[in-house]
Amino acid sequence: MNNYYTEELRQIYNSEINFSISCFWDGGFTVQLGDEQNGFKAGAVKPTIEESIEWLVNEVMGRYPGSLYSAVRVSLINKIREGFVDTDKFTFELLEDMIFGYRRKHPGIYLELAKEYQIKQKERIE
């Protein structure tokens, strides 16, 4: 499993979103969003750990659009798309680290982007 998937799980966990991933040899990976105490919101069985994490990311983005995880992920991706970040100056590895390691390295800006996104999400709903 590469650093991308590890960082995704770390960011979801740090955003206080509960999930579980388990496996049984040759039975694939069971991934669930939620927990036993509060209930599971969704679940799936995927053949690989990578597909399990990709499913989890998509579920978190869809079910928790106002979460800190979603806010930062969408804000940074939009900043890149809008040209705020010049991707020509970065290798893929540096760009990946910037997106998914941003919270750890720049917590103040991370929270600012998250708040900005959450305000925009709230305005769209109203």
N, C-alpha and C. Protein backbone atom coordinates (compact mmCIF):
# COMPACT_ATOMS: atom_id res chain seq x y z
N MET A 1 0.87 -1.17 0.00
CA MET A 1 0.00 0.00 0.00
C MET A 1 0.91 1.23 0.00
N ASN A 2 0.65 2.15 -0.91
CA ASN A 2 1.52 3.32 -0.99
C ASN A 2 1.08 4.42 -0.02
N ASN A 3 1.87 5.46 0.04
CA ASN A 3 1.65 6.56 0.97
C ASN A 3 0.31 7.26 0.76
N TYR A 4 -0.18 7.30 -0.46
CA TYR A 4 -1.46 7.94 -0.76
C TYR A 4 -2.57 7.32 0.08
N TYR A 5 -2.66 5.99 0.07
CA TYR A 5 -3.73 5.31 0.79
C TYR A 5 -3.57 5.45 2.30
N THR A 6 -2.36 5.37 2.77
CA THR A 6 -2.11 5.54 4.20
C THR A 6 -2.54 6.93 4.65
N GLU A 7 -2.21 7.94 3.86
CA GLU A 7 -2.56 9.31 4.21
C GLU A 7 -4.07 9.53 4.16
N GLU A 8 -4.74 8.93 3.19
CA GLU A 8 -6.20 9.05 3.13
C GLU A 8 -6.83 8.52 4.41
N LEU A 9 -6.41 7.34 4.85
CA LEU A 9 -6.96 6.76 6.08
C LEU A 9 -6.66 7.65 7.28
N ARG A 10 -5.46 8.18 7.34
CA ARG A 10 -5.07 9.06 8.44
C ARG A 10 -5.93 10.32 8.47
N GLN A 11 -6.18 10.91 7.31
CA GLN A 11 -6.97 12.14 7.26
C GLN A 11 -8.44 11.89 7.62
N ILE A 12 -8.98 10.76 7.19
CA ILE A 12 -10.35 10.42 7.56
C ILE A 12 -10.43 10.22 9.07
N TYR A 13 -9.48 9.49 9.61
CA TYR A 13 -9.43 9.25 11.05
C TYR A 13 -9.29 10.57 11.82
N ASN A 14 -8.40 11.44 11.37
CA ASN A 14 -8.19 12.73 12.04
C ASN A 14 -9.41 13.63 11.97
N SER A 15 -10.28 13.39 11.00
CA SER A 15 -11.52 14.16 10.88
C SER A 15 -12.64 13.57 11.74
N GLU A 16 -12.29 12.58 12.55
CA GLU A 16 -13.22 11.95 13.49
C GLU A 16 -14.39 11.26 12.80
N ILE A 17 -14.11 10.66 11.66
CA ILE A 17 -15.10 9.86 10.94
C ILE A 17 -14.75 8.40 11.18
N ASN A 18 -15.70 7.67 11.73
CA ASN A 18 -15.46 6.27 12.09
C ASN A 18 -15.62 5.35 10.89
N PHE A 19 -14.75 4.35 10.82
CA PHE A 19 -14.80 3.36 9.75
C PHE A 19 -14.07 2.11 10.21
N SER A 20 -14.27 1.03 9.51
CA SER A 20 -13.51 -0.18 9.79
C SER A 20 -13.21 -0.89 8.47
N ILE A 21 -12.06 -1.56 8.46
CA ILE A 21 -11.67 -2.39 7.33
C ILE A 21 -11.18 -3.71 7.92
N SER A 22 -11.74 -4.80 7.44
CA SER A 22 -11.30 -6.11 7.91
C SER A 22 -11.18 -7.03 6.70
N CYS A 23 -10.53 -8.15 6.91
CA CYS A 23 -10.37 -9.09 5.81
C CYS A 23 -10.43 -10.52 6.30
N PHE A 24 -10.75 -11.39 5.39
CA PHE A 24 -10.71 -12.82 5.62
C PHE A 24 -10.06 -13.39 4.38
N TRP A 25 -8.99 -14.15 4.54
CA TRP A 25 -8.21 -14.61 3.41
C TRP A 25 -9.11 -15.12 2.29
N ASP A 26 -8.85 -14.63 1.11
CA ASP A 26 -9.55 -15.02 -0.11
C ASP A 26 -11.02 -14.58 -0.13
N GLY A 27 -11.41 -13.78 0.86
CA GLY A 27 -12.77 -13.29 0.89
C GLY A 27 -12.86 -11.81 0.62
N GLY A 28 -11.74 -11.20 0.33
CA GLY A 28 -11.72 -9.77 0.07
C GLY A 28 -11.66 -8.95 1.34
N PHE A 29 -11.91 -7.68 1.20
CA PHE A 29 -11.84 -6.73 2.31
C PHE A 29 -13.23 -6.16 2.56
N THR A 30 -13.66 -6.23 3.81
CA THR A 30 -14.94 -5.64 4.19
C THR A 30 -14.65 -4.25 4.73
N VAL A 31 -15.24 -3.24 4.13
CA VAL A 31 -15.05 -1.86 4.57
C VAL A 31 -16.41 -1.31 4.96
N GLN A 32 -16.43 -0.64 6.12
CA GLN A 32 -17.68 -0.09 6.63
C GLN A 32 -17.47 1.33 7.10
N LEU A 33 -18.43 2.17 6.83
CA LEU A 33 -18.42 3.55 7.28
C LEU A 33 -19.34 3.63 8.50
N GLY A 34 -18.79 4.04 9.63
CA GLY A 34 -19.53 4.09 10.88
C GLY A 34 -18.85 3.20 11.91
N ASP A 35 -19.61 2.80 12.92
CA ASP A 35 -19.04 1.95 13.97
C ASP A 35 -20.15 1.14 14.64
N GLU A 36 -19.74 0.16 15.43
CA GLU A 36 -20.70 -0.72 16.10
C GLU A 36 -21.58 0.04 17.10
N GLN A 37 -21.00 0.98 17.80
CA GLN A 37 -21.75 1.71 18.83
C GLN A 37 -22.84 2.61 18.24
N ASN A 38 -22.53 3.32 17.18
CA ASN A 38 -23.47 4.28 16.58
C ASN A 38 -24.14 3.77 15.31
N GLY A 39 -23.72 2.62 14.84
CA GLY A 39 -24.29 2.05 13.63
C GLY A 39 -23.44 2.33 12.40
N PHE A 40 -23.57 1.47 11.42
CA PHE A 40 -22.85 1.63 10.17
C PHE A 40 -23.75 2.30 9.14
N LYS A 41 -23.20 3.27 8.43
CA LYS A 41 -23.95 4.02 7.42
C LYS A 41 -23.93 3.31 6.07
N ALA A 42 -22.83 2.61 5.80
CA ALA A 42 -22.67 1.93 4.51
C ALA A 42 -21.56 0.89 4.64
N GLY A 43 -21.55 -0.05 3.73
CA GLY A 43 -20.52 -1.07 3.74
C GLY A 43 -20.39 -1.73 2.38
N ALA A 44 -19.25 -2.34 2.16
CA ALA A 44 -19.00 -3.02 0.89
C ALA A 44 -17.90 -4.05 1.10
N VAL A 45 -17.83 -4.99 0.18
CA VAL A 45 -16.73 -5.96 0.14
C VAL A 45 -16.00 -5.72 -1.17
N LYS A 46 -14.70 -5.49 -1.08
CA LYS A 46 -13.89 -5.19 -2.25
C LYS A 46 -12.74 -6.19 -2.34
N PRO A 47 -12.26 -6.49 -3.54
CA PRO A 47 -11.21 -7.50 -3.70
C PRO A 47 -9.81 -7.06 -3.23
N THR A 48 -9.55 -5.75 -3.20
CA THR A 48 -8.22 -5.28 -2.78
C THR A 48 -8.35 -4.18 -1.72
N ILE A 49 -7.28 -3.99 -0.97
CA ILE A 49 -7.27 -2.93 0.04
C ILE A 49 -7.37 -1.56 -0.63
N GLU A 50 -6.73 -1.41 -1.79
CA GLU A 50 -6.78 -0.13 -2.49
C GLU A 50 -8.22 0.21 -2.92
N GLU A 51 -8.93 -0.76 -3.44
CA GLU A 51 -10.32 -0.52 -3.83
C GLU A 51 -11.19 -0.23 -2.62
N SER A 52 -10.86 -0.86 -1.49
CA SER A 52 -11.61 -0.61 -0.26
C SER A 52 -11.44 0.83 0.19
N ILE A 53 -10.23 1.33 0.14
CA ILE A 53 -9.96 2.70 0.57
C ILE A 53 -10.58 3.69 -0.41
N GLU A 54 -10.50 3.41 -1.69
CA GLU A 54 -11.14 4.29 -2.68
C GLU A 54 -12.65 4.35 -2.46
N TRP A 55 -13.27 3.21 -2.15
CA TRP A 55 -14.70 3.19 -1.85
C TRP A 55 -14.98 4.04 -0.61
N LEU A 56 -14.16 3.88 0.42
CA LEU A 56 -14.33 4.64 1.66
C LEU A 56 -14.22 6.14 1.40
N VAL A 57 -13.23 6.56 0.64
CA VAL A 57 -13.05 7.98 0.31
C VAL A 57 -14.30 8.52 -0.38
N ASN A 58 -14.81 7.80 -1.36
CA ASN A 58 -16.00 8.24 -2.07
C ASN A 58 -17.22 8.33 -1.16
N GLU A 59 -17.37 7.37 -0.26
CA GLU A 59 -18.49 7.39 0.68
C GLU A 59 -18.38 8.57 1.65
N VAL A 60 -17.19 8.82 2.16
CA VAL A 60 -16.99 9.94 3.08
C VAL A 60 -17.30 11.25 2.37
N MET A 61 -16.80 11.42 1.14
CA MET A 61 -17.05 12.65 0.40
C MET A 61 -18.54 12.84 0.13
N GLY A 62 -19.26 11.76 -0.16
CA GLY A 62 -20.67 11.85 -0.46
C GLY A 62 -21.56 12.01 0.77
N ARG A 63 -21.21 11.34 1.85
CA ARG A 63 -22.06 11.34 3.04
C ARG A 63 -21.69 12.42 4.06
N TYR A 64 -20.46 12.92 3.98
CA TYR A 64 -20.01 13.96 4.91
C TYR A 64 -19.38 15.13 4.16
N PRO A 65 -20.14 15.80 3.29
CA PRO A 65 -19.55 16.88 2.49
C PRO A 65 -19.09 18.07 3.33
N GLY A 66 -19.62 18.24 4.52
CA GLY A 66 -19.21 19.34 5.38
C GLY A 66 -18.12 18.98 6.36
N SER A 67 -17.60 17.77 6.26
CA SER A 67 -16.55 17.33 7.19
C SER A 67 -15.23 18.03 6.89
N LEU A 68 -14.37 18.05 7.88
CA LEU A 68 -13.05 18.63 7.71
C LEU A 68 -12.29 17.92 6.60
N TYR A 69 -12.42 16.61 6.54
CA TYR A 69 -11.75 15.82 5.49
C TYR A 69 -12.20 16.28 4.10
N SER A 70 -13.50 16.34 3.91
CA SER A 70 -14.03 16.74 2.60
C SER A 70 -13.68 18.18 2.27
N ALA A 71 -13.76 19.04 3.27
CA ALA A 71 -13.48 20.45 3.06
C ALA A 71 -12.07 20.67 2.55
N VAL A 72 -11.12 20.07 3.21
CA VAL A 72 -9.72 20.28 2.82
C VAL A 72 -9.43 19.62 1.48
N ARG A 73 -9.93 18.44 1.29
CA ARG A 73 -9.66 17.71 0.05
C ARG A 73 -10.22 18.49 -1.15
N VAL A 74 -11.45 18.94 -1.06
CA VAL A 74 -12.07 19.68 -2.16
C VAL A 74 -11.41 21.04 -2.34
N SER A 75 -11.13 21.75 -1.25
CA SER A 75 -10.51 23.08 -1.34
C SER A 75 -9.16 23.02 -2.02
N LEU A 76 -8.33 22.07 -1.63
CA LEU A 76 -7.00 21.99 -2.22
C LEU A 76 -7.07 21.58 -3.68
N ILE A 77 -7.94 20.66 -4.00
CA ILE A 77 -8.08 20.25 -5.40
C ILE A 77 -8.57 21.42 -6.24
N ASN A 78 -9.53 22.19 -5.71
CA ASN A 78 -10.02 23.37 -6.44
C ASN A 78 -8.94 24.42 -6.60
N LYS A 79 -8.11 24.61 -5.57
CA LYS A 79 -7.02 25.58 -5.68
C LYS A 79 -6.07 25.18 -6.80
N ILE A 80 -5.82 23.89 -6.93
CA ILE A 80 -4.95 23.40 -8.01
C ILE A 80 -5.62 23.64 -9.35
N ARG A 81 -6.89 23.31 -9.46
CA ARG A 81 -7.62 23.49 -10.72
C ARG A 81 -7.69 24.96 -11.13
N GLU A 82 -7.83 25.86 -10.16
CA GLU A 82 -7.95 27.29 -10.44
C GLU A 82 -6.61 27.95 -10.74
N GLY A 83 -5.53 27.18 -10.65
CA GLY A 83 -4.21 27.74 -10.93
C GLY A 83 -3.54 28.37 -9.74
N PHE A 84 -4.14 28.22 -8.56
CA PHE A 84 -3.52 28.75 -7.34
C PHE A 84 -2.19 28.06 -7.09
N VAL A 85 -2.10 26.82 -7.51
CA VAL A 85 -0.87 26.04 -7.39
C VAL A 85 -0.39 25.71 -8.79
N ASP A 86 0.85 26.05 -9.10
CA ASP A 86 1.43 25.78 -10.41
C ASP A 86 1.95 24.35 -10.42
N THR A 87 1.16 23.44 -10.99
CA THR A 87 1.52 22.03 -10.96
C THR A 87 2.74 21.72 -11.82
N ASP A 88 3.10 22.59 -12.75
CA ASP A 88 4.28 22.35 -13.58
C ASP A 88 5.57 22.37 -12.77
N LYS A 89 5.54 23.02 -11.61
CA LYS A 89 6.75 23.13 -10.79
C LYS A 89 6.92 21.95 -9.83
N PHE A 90 5.96 21.08 -9.81
CA PHE A 90 5.99 19.99 -8.85
C PHE A 90 6.03 18.64 -9.55
N THR A 91 6.73 17.71 -8.95
CA THR A 91 6.64 16.34 -9.42
C THR A 91 5.34 15.77 -8.86
N PHE A 92 4.91 14.65 -9.38
CA PHE A 92 3.69 14.03 -8.90
C PHE A 92 3.78 13.74 -7.40
N GLU A 93 4.92 13.25 -6.93
CA GLU A 93 5.08 12.91 -5.53
C GLU A 93 4.95 14.14 -4.64
N LEU A 94 5.53 15.25 -5.05
CA LEU A 94 5.42 16.47 -4.25
C LEU A 94 3.99 17.00 -4.24
N LEU A 95 3.32 16.91 -5.38
CA LEU A 95 1.94 17.36 -5.45
C LEU A 95 1.05 16.49 -4.57
N GLU A 96 1.25 15.18 -4.63
CA GLU A 96 0.48 14.26 -3.80
C GLU A 96 0.71 14.55 -2.32
N ASP A 97 1.96 14.77 -1.95
CA ASP A 97 2.28 15.09 -0.56
C ASP A 97 1.65 16.41 -0.14
N MET A 98 1.62 17.36 -1.06
CA MET A 98 1.04 18.66 -0.74
C MET A 98 -0.45 18.54 -0.45
N ILE A 99 -1.16 17.76 -1.28
CA ILE A 99 -2.60 17.61 -1.09
C ILE A 99 -2.90 16.82 0.17
N PHE A 100 -2.27 15.67 0.34
CA PHE A 100 -2.68 14.76 1.40
C PHE A 100 -1.88 14.92 2.68
N GLY A 101 -0.78 15.63 2.62
CA GLY A 101 -0.01 15.86 3.82
C GLY A 101 -0.13 17.30 4.32
N TYR A 102 -1.02 18.06 3.72
CA TYR A 102 -1.13 19.48 4.00
C TYR A 102 -1.49 19.78 5.45
N ARG A 103 -2.38 19.00 5.98
CA ARG A 103 -2.85 19.27 7.35
C ARG A 103 -1.70 19.22 8.35
N ARG A 104 -0.86 18.22 8.19
CA ARG A 104 0.25 18.03 9.12
C ARG A 104 1.27 19.16 9.00
N LYS A 105 1.55 19.59 7.79
CA LYS A 105 2.60 20.57 7.58
C LYS A 105 2.14 22.01 7.76
N HIS A 106 0.88 22.29 7.47
CA HIS A 106 0.36 23.66 7.52
C HIS A 106 -1.01 23.69 8.20
N PRO A 107 -1.05 23.38 9.49
CA PRO A 107 -2.36 23.26 10.16
C PRO A 107 -3.19 24.54 10.12
N GLY A 108 -2.57 25.70 10.19
CA GLY A 108 -3.33 26.95 10.17
C GLY A 108 -4.03 27.17 8.84
N ILE A 109 -3.31 26.99 7.75
CA ILE A 109 -3.89 27.16 6.42
C ILE A 109 -4.90 26.07 6.16
N TYR A 110 -4.61 24.87 6.61
CA TYR A 110 -5.54 23.74 6.47
C TYR A 110 -6.89 24.09 7.07
N LEU A 111 -6.87 24.60 8.30
CA LEU A 111 -8.13 24.94 8.97
C LEU A 111 -8.83 26.11 8.28
N GLU A 112 -8.04 27.06 7.80
CA GLU A 112 -8.62 28.20 7.08
C GLU A 112 -9.34 27.74 5.81
N LEU A 113 -8.71 26.85 5.05
CA LEU A 113 -9.33 26.32 3.85
C LEU A 113 -10.59 25.52 4.20
N ALA A 114 -10.51 24.75 5.27
CA ALA A 114 -11.65 23.95 5.69
C ALA A 114 -12.83 24.84 6.08
N LYS A 115 -12.56 25.89 6.83
CA LYS A 115 -13.63 26.81 7.23
C LYS A 115 -14.24 27.50 6.02
N GLU A 116 -13.38 27.92 5.09
CA GLU A 116 -13.85 28.57 3.86
C GLU A 116 -14.78 27.64 3.10
N TYR A 117 -14.39 26.39 2.97
CA TYR A 117 -15.21 25.42 2.25
C TYR A 117 -16.52 25.18 2.99
N GLN A 118 -16.47 25.03 4.30
CA GLN A 118 -17.69 24.77 5.08
C GLN A 118 -18.67 25.94 4.98
N ILE A 119 -18.16 27.16 4.96
CA ILE A 119 -19.03 28.34 4.80
C ILE A 119 -19.69 28.30 3.43
N LYS A 120 -18.93 27.97 2.38
CA LYS A 120 -19.49 27.90 1.03
C LYS A 120 -20.52 26.79 0.93
N GLN A 121 -20.27 25.67 1.58
CA GLN A 121 -21.23 24.57 1.57
C GLN A 121 -22.53 25.00 2.24
N LYS A 122 -22.42 25.71 3.36
CA LYS A 122 -23.59 26.17 4.11
C LYS A 122 -24.38 27.17 3.27
N GLU A 123 -23.69 28.07 2.58
CA GLU A 123 -24.35 29.07 1.74
C GLU A 123 -25.09 28.41 0.59
N ARG A 124 -24.51 27.34 0.02
CA ARG A 124 -25.18 26.63 -1.07
C ARG A 124 -26.46 25.97 -0.60
N ILE A 125 -26.46 25.46 0.61
CA ILE A 125 -27.63 24.78 1.15
C ILE A 125 -28.74 25.78 1.44
N GLU A 126 -28.38 26.96 1.95
CA GLU A 126 -29.37 27.99 2.30
C GLU A 126 -29.83 28.66 1.04
